[in-house]
Each structure stands twice: as structure tokens, then as C-alpha cells.
Amino acid sequence: MQAVTVLVGGYLLGSIPFGYLITRVAGLGDIRSIGSGNIGATNVLRTGKRHLAALTLLLDALKATIAAILAAHLYGPQAGLLAGAAAFIGHLFPIWLGFKGGKGVATYIGVLLGVAPATVLIFAFVWLLMARLSRYSSLSALVATLVIPVALWIMGQPQISLVMALLTVISWWRHKANIERLIRGTESRIGEKG
């Protein structure tokens, strides 16, 4: 029963579509009608409202962090890991939007913040390095999510490593269109419009 509570609670928290709600409240309409059609911070940034994109990024991360910390406090570290993972799934497949959500990078970071906070610095370092070298946000996120499970394994946290590896695979699957554009050389670079 605890596992069901943790999974459902984490999923529902993760399903809160902050990008969609924030842009609606700001009078920008349905974020799904512009850019990639995604509800995440990157697409919110395409509205030209950086502060709304930053707020979306923060809230999309914190919903997973809160789910993980709350579940860990109530039921222990394994429950925290499950709740964080469920929040990640909730963000990607929110019940409120017909199971069509974001790509989960901010929520992935939020899970890390809740279960292995030191690795957020590793994620940030890899993302920033790749962004500086390539100027591709998607490639930077893909590489960072690939590094995290390895780093966790090396740090002696195999259980978290395996769960984050699963989230990495799901994240890569959600980025399949970005991967195709990267291969074709048509992916937008950081700072480019479109």
C-alpha cells in the first residue's frame, strides 16, 4: 500500500503542467501551440519571456524534489527514489493533458536534487561544458543524463544509478526528434530562433 501511495502521489505531483499553467495565467495562450508544442521550460522560452521559462524550470524540477524528499521522510530513501521517478513519469505523461507532457530534463534534475544532491553539480558541469562546446541544449542534456548513472555507480550508489539509468533511457526516447535533427544537422543551437 505504501508503494502505491508513493507512486500515485509522485505521479500526480509530477503531472502538474507548470509550463502550461504559467503561460495561460500570463495570457500567452496554450504553450502547446507554439514551437515544439512541449510544456517544458525550453518551449516556454520561445515565448520570449525568460522569467516565465526560469519559473517553469524551477517548478518542474522542484515537483520531483518535493515528491522524493516527502516520500523519503515518510517511508525511507527507497520510497523517495520511487516517488521522484514517478514524478518524472508524471511530467512526461500528465493525466491532465492527455498524457502529452514535457521531455523531463528539469524534472530529471529535480529527482537528483531529492535523492543525490551532489550529482546536480555533475549534471550542471557536463551540461555547461557541452553547451559551450556544441551550443546545442538538447545534446548537452543528453550527454549529462548519460553521465549521471555512471557517476552514481562510481560513487557507490548502484540502486539510484539503475533508476536514473532507466530515466535516462526514457529521456533519450522523449528526445528522439532532437536526436534525429542533431544527426541531420538541423537542430537549433542555443541563441538561435526557431
C-alpha atoms as a PDB file:
ATOM      1  CA  MET A   1       0.000   0.000   0.000  1.00  0.00           C
ATOM      2  CA  GLN A   2       2.876   2.368   0.769  1.00  0.00           C
ATOM      3  CA  ALA A   3       4.390   1.732  -2.665  1.00  0.00           C
ATOM      4  CA  VAL A   4       1.074   2.520  -4.366  1.00  0.00           C
ATOM      5  CA  THR A   5       0.696   5.719  -2.316  1.00  0.00           C
ATOM      6  CA  VAL A   6       4.243   6.785  -3.141  1.00  0.00           C
ATOM      7  CA  LEU A   7       3.911   6.029  -6.867  1.00  0.00           C
ATOM      8  CA  VAL A   8       0.495   7.637  -7.284  1.00  0.00           C
ATOM      9  CA  GLY A   9       1.419  10.662  -5.168  1.00  0.00           C
ATOM     10  CA  GLY A  10       4.683  11.170  -7.038  1.00  0.00           C
ATOM     11  CA  TYR A  11       2.982  10.749 -10.405  1.00  0.00           C
ATOM     12  CA  LEU A  12       0.211  13.247  -9.585  1.00  0.00           C
ATOM     13  CA  LEU A  13       2.706  15.816  -8.304  1.00  0.00           C
ATOM     14  CA  GLY A  14       4.833  15.331 -11.401  1.00  0.00           C
ATOM     15  CA  SER A  15       1.758  15.693 -13.601  1.00  0.00           C
ATOM     16  CA  ILE A  16       1.229  19.334 -12.640  1.00  0.00           C
ATOM     17  CA  PRO A  17       1.907  21.059 -16.008  1.00  0.00           C
ATOM     18  CA  PHE A  18       3.590  24.219 -14.755  1.00  0.00           C
ATOM     19  CA  GLY A  19       4.679  25.449 -18.202  1.00  0.00           C
ATOM     20  CA  TYR A  20       1.117  25.157 -19.461  1.00  0.00           C
ATOM     21  CA  LEU A  21      -0.373  26.806 -16.356  1.00  0.00           C
ATOM     22  CA  ILE A  22       2.176  29.630 -16.139  1.00  0.00           C
ATOM     23  CA  THR A  23       1.796  30.659 -19.783  1.00  0.00           C
ATOM     24  CA  ARG A  24      -2.008  30.501 -19.516  1.00  0.00           C
ATOM     25  CA  VAL A  25      -2.023  32.712 -16.417  1.00  0.00           C
ATOM     26  CA  ALA A  26       0.399  35.118 -18.153  1.00  0.00           C
ATOM     27  CA  GLY A  27      -2.069  35.492 -21.023  1.00  0.00           C
ATOM     28  CA  LEU A  28       0.135  33.804 -23.615  1.00  0.00           C
ATOM     29  CA  GLY A  29      -2.391  31.150 -24.583  1.00  0.00           C
ATOM     30  CA  ASP A  30      -1.662  27.456 -24.916  1.00  0.00           C
ATOM     31  CA  ILE A  31       2.096  26.797 -24.896  1.00  0.00           C
ATOM     32  CA  ARG A  32       1.421  23.612 -26.870  1.00  0.00           C
ATOM     33  CA  SER A  33       0.506  25.728 -29.911  1.00  0.00           C
ATOM     34  CA  ILE A  34       3.996  27.215 -30.364  1.00  0.00           C
ATOM     35  CA  GLY A  35       7.489  25.919 -31.053  1.00  0.00           C
ATOM     36  CA  SER A  36       7.863  22.243 -30.258  1.00  0.00           C
ATOM     37  CA  GLY A  37       4.407  22.039 -28.681  1.00  0.00           C
ATOM     38  CA  ASN A  38       6.127  20.997 -25.483  1.00  0.00           C
ATOM     39  CA  ILE A  39       5.122  22.192 -21.993  1.00  0.00           C
ATOM     40  CA  GLY A  40       8.695  22.470 -20.689  1.00  0.00           C
ATOM     41  CA  ALA A  41      10.924  25.455 -19.968  1.00  0.00           C
ATOM     42  CA  THR A  42      12.725  25.369 -23.335  1.00  0.00           C
ATOM     43  CA  ASN A  43       9.462  25.857 -25.188  1.00  0.00           C
ATOM     44  CA  VAL A  44       8.275  28.489 -22.701  1.00  0.00           C
ATOM     45  CA  LEU A  45      11.497  30.347 -23.519  1.00  0.00           C
ATOM     46  CA  ARG A  46      10.298  30.546 -27.128  1.00  0.00           C
ATOM     47  CA  THR A  47       7.607  32.971 -25.963  1.00  0.00           C
ATOM     48  CA  GLY A  48      10.415  35.451 -25.286  1.00  0.00           C
ATOM     49  CA  LYS A  49       9.551  35.528 -21.588  1.00  0.00           C
ATOM     50  CA  ARG A  50      12.752  34.420 -19.864  1.00  0.00           C
ATOM     51  CA  HIS A  51      11.352  34.883 -16.367  1.00  0.00           C
ATOM     52  CA  LEU A  52       8.449  32.534 -17.188  1.00  0.00           C
ATOM     53  CA  ALA A  53      10.857  29.965 -18.611  1.00  0.00           C
ATOM     54  CA  ALA A  54      13.024  30.207 -15.469  1.00  0.00           C
ATOM     55  CA  LEU A  55       9.970  29.801 -13.248  1.00  0.00           C
ATOM     56  CA  THR A  56       8.843  26.780 -15.281  1.00  0.00           C
ATOM     57  CA  LEU A  57      12.302  25.229 -14.993  1.00  0.00           C
ATOM     58  CA  LEU A  58      12.355  25.767 -11.240  1.00  0.00           C
ATOM     59  CA  LEU A  59       8.860  24.404 -10.594  1.00  0.00           C
ATOM     60  CA  ASP A  60       9.297  21.428 -12.935  1.00  0.00           C
ATOM     61  CA  ALA A  61      12.446  20.496 -11.015  1.00  0.00           C
ATOM     62  CA  LEU A  62      11.016  21.134  -7.553  1.00  0.00           C
ATOM     63  CA  LYS A  63       7.934  18.965  -8.053  1.00  0.00           C
ATOM     64  CA  ALA A  64      10.199  15.911  -8.337  1.00  0.00           C
ATOM     65  CA  THR A  65      12.417  17.095  -5.493  1.00  0.00           C
ATOM     66  CA  ILE A  66       9.428  17.597  -3.198  1.00  0.00           C
ATOM     67  CA  ALA A  67       7.974  14.204  -4.136  1.00  0.00           C
ATOM     68  CA  ALA A  68      11.288  12.479  -3.398  1.00  0.00           C
ATOM     69  CA  ILE A  69      12.003  14.285  -0.122  1.00  0.00           C
ATOM     70  CA  LEU A  70       8.467  13.921   1.211  1.00  0.00           C
ATOM     71  CA  ALA A  71       8.281  10.195   0.419  1.00  0.00           C
ATOM     72  CA  ALA A  72      11.761   9.620   1.868  1.00  0.00           C
ATOM     73  CA  HIS A  73      10.742  11.444   5.048  1.00  0.00           C
ATOM     74  CA  LEU A  74       7.573   9.368   5.406  1.00  0.00           C
ATOM     75  CA  TYR A  75       8.728   5.939   4.229  1.00  0.00           C
ATOM     76  CA  GLY A  76      12.502   5.929   3.720  1.00  0.00           C
ATOM     77  CA  PRO A  77      15.082   6.500   0.946  1.00  0.00           C
ATOM     78  CA  GLN A  78      13.775   3.814  -1.427  1.00  0.00           C
ATOM     79  CA  ALA A  79      10.331   5.407  -1.314  1.00  0.00           C
ATOM     80  CA  GLY A  80      11.920   8.758  -2.097  1.00  0.00           C
ATOM     81  CA  LEU A  81      13.598   7.308  -5.166  1.00  0.00           C
ATOM     82  CA  LEU A  82      10.319   5.750  -6.320  1.00  0.00           C
ATOM     83  CA  ALA A  83       8.382   8.982  -5.783  1.00  0.00           C
ATOM     84  CA  GLY A  84      10.958  11.022  -7.688  1.00  0.00           C
ATOM     85  CA  ALA A  85      10.883   8.573 -10.600  1.00  0.00           C
ATOM     86  CA  ALA A  86       7.069   8.621 -10.569  1.00  0.00           C
ATOM     87  CA  ALA A  87       7.119  12.442 -10.671  1.00  0.00           C
ATOM     88  CA  PHE A  88       9.412  12.255 -13.709  1.00  0.00           C
ATOM     89  CA  ILE A  89       6.940   9.919 -15.440  1.00  0.00           C
ATOM     90  CA  GLY A  90       4.093  12.230 -14.422  1.00  0.00           C
ATOM     91  CA  HIS A  91       5.815  15.174 -16.083  1.00  0.00           C
ATOM     92  CA  LEU A  92       6.293  13.244 -19.327  1.00  0.00           C
ATOM     93  CA  PHE A  93       2.786  11.783 -19.329  1.00  0.00           C
ATOM     94  CA  PRO A  94       0.487  14.116 -17.322  1.00  0.00           C
ATOM     95  CA  ILE A  95      -3.034  12.834 -16.884  1.00  0.00           C
ATOM     96  CA  TRP A  96      -4.378  16.409 -17.100  1.00  0.00           C
ATOM     97  CA  LEU A  97      -3.072  16.955 -20.667  1.00  0.00           C
ATOM     98  CA  GLY A  98      -3.944  13.654 -22.304  1.00  0.00           C
ATOM     99  CA  PHE A  99      -0.597  12.114 -21.276  1.00  0.00           C
ATOM    100  CA  LYS A 100       1.344  14.550 -23.511  1.00  0.00           C
ATOM    101  CA  GLY A 101       3.915  16.366 -21.409  1.00  0.00           C
ATOM    102  CA  GLY A 102       7.480  17.607 -21.420  1.00  0.00           C
ATOM    103  CA  LYS A 103      10.795  15.926 -22.120  1.00  0.00           C
ATOM    104  CA  GLY A 104      11.745  15.839 -18.461  1.00  0.00           C
ATOM    105  CA  VAL A 105      15.198  17.423 -18.200  1.00  0.00           C
ATOM    106  CA  ALA A 106      14.244  19.800 -15.367  1.00  0.00           C
ATOM    107  CA  THR A 107      12.305  17.043 -13.619  1.00  0.00           C
ATOM    108  CA  TYR A 108      15.289  14.687 -14.030  1.00  0.00           C
ATOM    109  CA  ILE A 109      17.416  17.296 -12.243  1.00  0.00           C
ATOM    110  CA  GLY A 110      14.721  17.570  -9.586  1.00  0.00           C
ATOM    111  CA  VAL A 111      14.890  13.830  -8.936  1.00  0.00           C
ATOM    112  CA  LEU A 112      18.662  14.121  -8.499  1.00  0.00           C
ATOM    113  CA  LEU A 113      18.240  17.031  -6.123  1.00  0.00           C
ATOM    114  CA  GLY A 114      15.907  14.923  -3.994  1.00  0.00           C
ATOM    115  CA  VAL A 115      17.890  11.666  -3.915  1.00  0.00           C
ATOM    116  CA  ALA A 116      21.543  12.511  -4.702  1.00  0.00           C
ATOM    117  CA  PRO A 117      22.023  16.298  -4.455  1.00  0.00           C
ATOM    118  CA  ALA A 118      25.786  16.297  -5.127  1.00  0.00           C
ATOM    119  CA  THR A 119      25.205  14.886  -8.601  1.00  0.00           C
ATOM    120  CA  VAL A 120      23.294  18.026  -9.619  1.00  0.00           C
ATOM    121  CA  LEU A 121      26.699  19.736  -9.741  1.00  0.00           C
ATOM    122  CA  ILE A 122      27.985  16.987 -12.049  1.00  0.00           C
ATOM    123  CA  PHE A 123      24.926  17.364 -14.277  1.00  0.00           C
ATOM    124  CA  ALA A 124      25.369  21.154 -14.381  1.00  0.00           C
ATOM    125  CA  PHE A 125      29.095  20.905 -15.156  1.00  0.00           C
ATOM    126  CA  VAL A 126      28.563  18.426 -18.013  1.00  0.00           C
ATOM    127  CA  TRP A 127      25.611  20.394 -19.404  1.00  0.00           C
ATOM    128  CA  LEU A 128      27.521  23.700 -19.330  1.00  0.00           C
ATOM    129  CA  LEU A 129      30.644  22.152 -20.860  1.00  0.00           C
ATOM    130  CA  MET A 130      28.677  20.544 -23.686  1.00  0.00           C
ATOM    131  CA  ALA A 131      26.639  23.703 -24.245  1.00  0.00           C
ATOM    132  CA  ARG A 132      29.828  25.747 -24.524  1.00  0.00           C
ATOM    133  CA  LEU A 133      31.397  23.258 -26.944  1.00  0.00           C
ATOM    134  CA  SER A 134      28.360  22.485 -29.104  1.00  0.00           C
ATOM    135  CA  ARG A 135      25.766  25.226 -28.448  1.00  0.00           C
ATOM    136  CA  TYR A 136      23.087  22.512 -28.517  1.00  0.00           C
ATOM    137  CA  SER A 137      20.836  22.439 -25.449  1.00  0.00           C
ATOM    138  CA  SER A 138      19.418  19.028 -26.345  1.00  0.00           C
ATOM    139  CA  LEU A 139      22.842  17.436 -26.858  1.00  0.00           C
ATOM    140  CA  SER A 140      24.035  18.924 -23.572  1.00  0.00           C
ATOM    141  CA  ALA A 141      21.076  17.383 -21.730  1.00  0.00           C
ATOM    142  CA  LEU A 142      21.506  14.022 -23.462  1.00  0.00           C
ATOM    143  CA  VAL A 143      25.184  13.793 -22.548  1.00  0.00           C
ATOM    144  CA  ALA A 144      24.551  14.937 -18.959  1.00  0.00           C
ATOM    145  CA  THR A 145      21.846  12.295 -18.457  1.00  0.00           C
ATOM    146  CA  LEU A 146      24.243   9.689 -19.829  1.00  0.00           C
ATOM    147  CA  VAL A 147      26.999  10.674 -17.390  1.00  0.00           C
ATOM    148  CA  ILE A 148      24.805  10.698 -14.262  1.00  0.00           C
ATOM    149  CA  PRO A 149      24.139   6.927 -13.885  1.00  0.00           C
ATOM    150  CA  VAL A 150      27.851   6.233 -14.400  1.00  0.00           C
ATOM    151  CA  ALA A 151      28.802   8.861 -11.817  1.00  0.00           C
ATOM    152  CA  LEU A 152      26.303   7.434  -9.326  1.00  0.00           C
ATOM    153  CA  TRP A 153      27.659   3.910  -9.864  1.00  0.00           C
ATOM    154  CA  ILE A 154      31.234   5.120  -9.293  1.00  0.00           C
ATOM    155  CA  MET A 155      30.056   6.971  -6.161  1.00  0.00           C
ATOM    156  CA  GLY A 156      28.769   3.675  -4.747  1.00  0.00           C
ATOM    157  CA  GLN A 157      25.051   4.281  -5.213  1.00  0.00           C
ATOM    158  CA  PRO A 158      24.032   1.407  -7.515  1.00  0.00           C
ATOM    159  CA  GLN A 159      20.313   1.496  -6.729  1.00  0.00           C
ATOM    160  CA  ILE A 160      19.988   5.186  -7.576  1.00  0.00           C
ATOM    161  CA  SER A 161      22.248   4.628 -10.589  1.00  0.00           C
ATOM    162  CA  LEU A 162      19.943   1.956 -12.008  1.00  0.00           C
ATOM    163  CA  VAL A 163      16.806   4.063 -11.552  1.00  0.00           C
ATOM    164  CA  MET A 164      18.487   7.101 -13.114  1.00  0.00           C
ATOM    165  CA  ALA A 165      19.705   4.889 -15.984  1.00  0.00           C
ATOM    166  CA  LEU A 166      16.082   3.946 -16.628  1.00  0.00           C
ATOM    167  CA  LEU A 167      15.069   7.624 -16.539  1.00  0.00           C
ATOM    168  CA  THR A 168      17.954   8.372 -18.925  1.00  0.00           C
ATOM    169  CA  VAL A 169      16.658   5.799 -21.428  1.00  0.00           C
ATOM    170  CA  ILE A 170      13.152   7.300 -21.210  1.00  0.00           C
ATOM    171  CA  SER A 171      14.566  10.820 -21.574  1.00  0.00           C
ATOM    172  CA  TRP A 172      16.523   9.808 -24.684  1.00  0.00           C
ATOM    173  CA  TRP A 173      13.369   8.249 -26.128  1.00  0.00           C
ATOM    174  CA  ARG A 174      11.487  11.509 -25.481  1.00  0.00           C
ATOM    175  CA  HIS A 175      14.303  13.370 -27.273  1.00  0.00           C
ATOM    176  CA  LYS A 176      14.165  11.164 -30.374  1.00  0.00           C
ATOM    177  CA  ALA A 177      13.128  14.072 -32.636  1.00  0.00           C
ATOM    178  CA  ASN A 178      16.035  16.151 -31.261  1.00  0.00           C
ATOM    179  CA  ILE A 179      18.422  13.254 -31.873  1.00  0.00           C
ATOM    180  CA  GLU A 180      17.208  12.952 -35.471  1.00  0.00           C
ATOM    181  CA  ARG A 181      17.733  16.695 -36.004  1.00  0.00           C
ATOM    182  CA  LEU A 182      21.190  16.515 -34.426  1.00  0.00           C
ATOM    183  CA  ILE A 183      22.119  13.725 -36.835  1.00  0.00           C
ATOM    184  CA  ARG A 184      20.757  15.725 -39.802  1.00  0.00           C
ATOM    185  CA  GLY A 185      22.421  18.932 -38.572  1.00  0.00           C
ATOM    186  CA  THR A 186      19.121  20.807 -38.374  1.00  0.00           C
ATOM    187  CA  GLU A 187      18.792  21.117 -34.581  1.00  0.00           C
ATOM    188  CA  SER A 188      18.560  24.720 -33.361  1.00  0.00           C
ATOM    189  CA  ARG A 189      21.545  25.967 -31.440  1.00  0.00           C
ATOM    190  CA  ILE A 190      21.366  27.912 -28.183  1.00  0.00           C
ATOM    191  CA  GLY A 191      20.519  31.515 -29.021  1.00  0.00           C
ATOM    192  CA  GLU A 192      19.004  30.734 -32.410  1.00  0.00           C
ATOM    193  CA  LYS A 193      15.320  31.335 -33.041  1.00  0.00           C
ATOM    194  CA  GLY A 194      13.059  28.505 -34.159  1.00  0.00           C
END
